[in-house]
Protein backbone atom coordinates (compact mmCIF):
# COMPACT_ATOMS: atom_id res chain seq x y z
CA MET A 1 387.58 -129.55 181.00
CA LYS A 2 387.85 -125.75 181.10
CA THR A 3 387.32 -123.60 184.16
CA ILE A 4 386.36 -119.95 184.29
CA THR A 5 386.78 -118.06 187.55
CA LEU A 6 384.85 -114.85 188.14
CA ARG A 7 385.50 -112.37 190.94
CA LYS A 8 382.57 -110.83 192.85
CA THR A 9 382.63 -107.09 192.14
CA GLY A 10 379.61 -105.98 194.19
CA TYR A 11 375.85 -106.05 193.83
CA ARG A 12 373.33 -105.02 191.17
CA VAL A 13 369.91 -103.85 192.33
CA LYS A 14 366.67 -103.86 190.32
CA GLY A 15 363.18 -103.20 191.59
CA ILE A 16 360.20 -100.93 191.99
CA SER A 17 360.03 -97.64 193.91
CA ASP A 18 357.05 -96.48 195.95
CA LEU A 19 356.42 -92.81 195.14
CA THR A 20 354.43 -89.79 196.17
CA LEU A 21 353.56 -87.85 193.01
CA TRP A 22 353.29 -84.07 192.90
CA GLY A 23 349.80 -83.49 194.30
CA GLY A 24 350.05 -86.28 196.88
CA GLU A 25 348.90 -89.40 195.02
CA ASN A 26 350.74 -92.68 195.67
CA SER A 27 352.22 -94.59 192.75
CA SER A 28 355.13 -96.84 191.81
CA ILE A 29 357.68 -97.11 189.02
CA MET A 30 360.44 -99.47 187.95
CA MET A 31 363.75 -98.09 189.20
CA LYS A 32 366.79 -97.54 187.05
CA GLU A 33 369.12 -100.41 188.02
CA PHE A 34 372.08 -99.44 190.19
CA SER A 35 375.28 -100.99 191.52
CA VAL A 36 376.53 -100.91 195.11
CA LYS A 37 379.48 -102.38 196.99
CA ASN A 38 377.42 -103.30 200.07
CA ILE A 39 373.72 -103.92 200.58
CA SER A 40 373.01 -102.24 203.90
CA LYS A 41 369.52 -100.72 204.14
CA GLU A 42 371.11 -97.26 204.42
CA ASN A 43 373.18 -97.75 201.27
CA LEU A 44 370.22 -99.14 199.32
CA LYS A 45 367.95 -96.30 200.50
CA LYS A 46 370.31 -93.56 199.31
CA ASN A 47 370.38 -95.14 195.82
CA LEU A 48 366.61 -95.56 195.36
CA ASN A 49 365.37 -93.65 192.34
CA ASP A 50 362.33 -92.73 190.24
CA ASN A 51 364.00 -93.64 186.91
CA GLY A 52 364.19 -89.92 186.09
CA PHE A 53 360.43 -89.40 186.28
CA GLY A 54 360.43 -86.58 188.86
CA VAL A 55 358.25 -86.94 191.95
CA GLU A 56 357.54 -85.27 195.26
CA SER A 57 359.20 -88.10 197.20
CA ILE A 58 360.51 -91.64 197.00
CA ASN A 59 359.07 -93.45 200.00
CA GLY A 60 360.80 -96.81 199.65
CA ALA A 61 361.27 -99.72 197.27
CA ILE A 62 361.16 -103.45 196.78
CA CYS A 63 364.68 -104.37 195.69
CA ASP A 64 365.79 -107.52 193.91
CA ILE A 65 369.47 -107.89 194.79
CA TYR A 66 371.94 -109.77 192.62
CA GLU A 67 375.57 -110.62 193.29
CA ASN A 68 377.66 -109.22 190.43
CA TYR A 69 380.48 -111.49 189.26
CA GLU A 70 382.26 -109.31 186.69
CA GLY A 71 378.99 -108.71 184.82
CA THR A 72 377.39 -112.10 185.47
CA LEU A 73 374.46 -111.64 187.86
CA ARG A 74 373.30 -114.22 190.41
CA TYR A 75 370.07 -113.58 192.35
CA LEU A 76 370.67 -113.23 196.08
CA LYS A 77 367.44 -111.96 197.70
CA THR A 78 364.58 -109.48 197.68
CA LYS A 79 364.60 -106.75 200.31
CA THR A 80 362.04 -104.03 201.11
CA VAL A 81 363.58 -100.67 202.00
CA GLY A 82 361.66 -97.76 203.53
CA LYS A 83 357.87 -97.48 203.33
CA VAL A 84 356.07 -99.41 200.59
CA SER A 85 352.30 -99.25 200.11
CA GLU A 86 350.05 -102.26 199.53
CA ARG A 87 349.45 -100.87 196.03
CA THR A 88 353.19 -101.00 195.26
CA GLU A 89 353.45 -104.52 196.69
CA LYS A 90 350.59 -105.61 194.41
CA HIS A 91 352.18 -103.98 191.35
CA TYR A 92 355.50 -105.64 192.14
CA GLU A 93 353.90 -109.08 192.36
CA GLU A 94 351.81 -108.59 189.21
CA TYR A 95 354.16 -106.73 186.87
CA TYR A 96 357.65 -106.12 188.14
CA HIS A 97 358.69 -109.31 189.89
CA PHE A 98 361.94 -110.19 188.13
CA ARG A 99 362.75 -113.73 187.18
CA HIS A 100 365.59 -115.04 189.26
CA ASP A 101 367.08 -117.38 186.66
């Protein structure tokens, strides 16, 4: 029997951002994945992004958080950061909810 030991190197975050577009309309977009060493709300909030789209503001996000074991990801939890509209919640549930396999 062989054993492989992996060291936890941090966290990988995927999810959907709640946005205010130029002109004031609310929308959402899949974020560019990012890595962090800790998953405090403050640390997550400063890494939220619009995947390079360019918007008036990023209001918040629904984040799927994975433990990163040297590149092998293991789902930990889903956390909402900042303000997220009902529209973004619906889009997350319908289109962006990541499989946690």
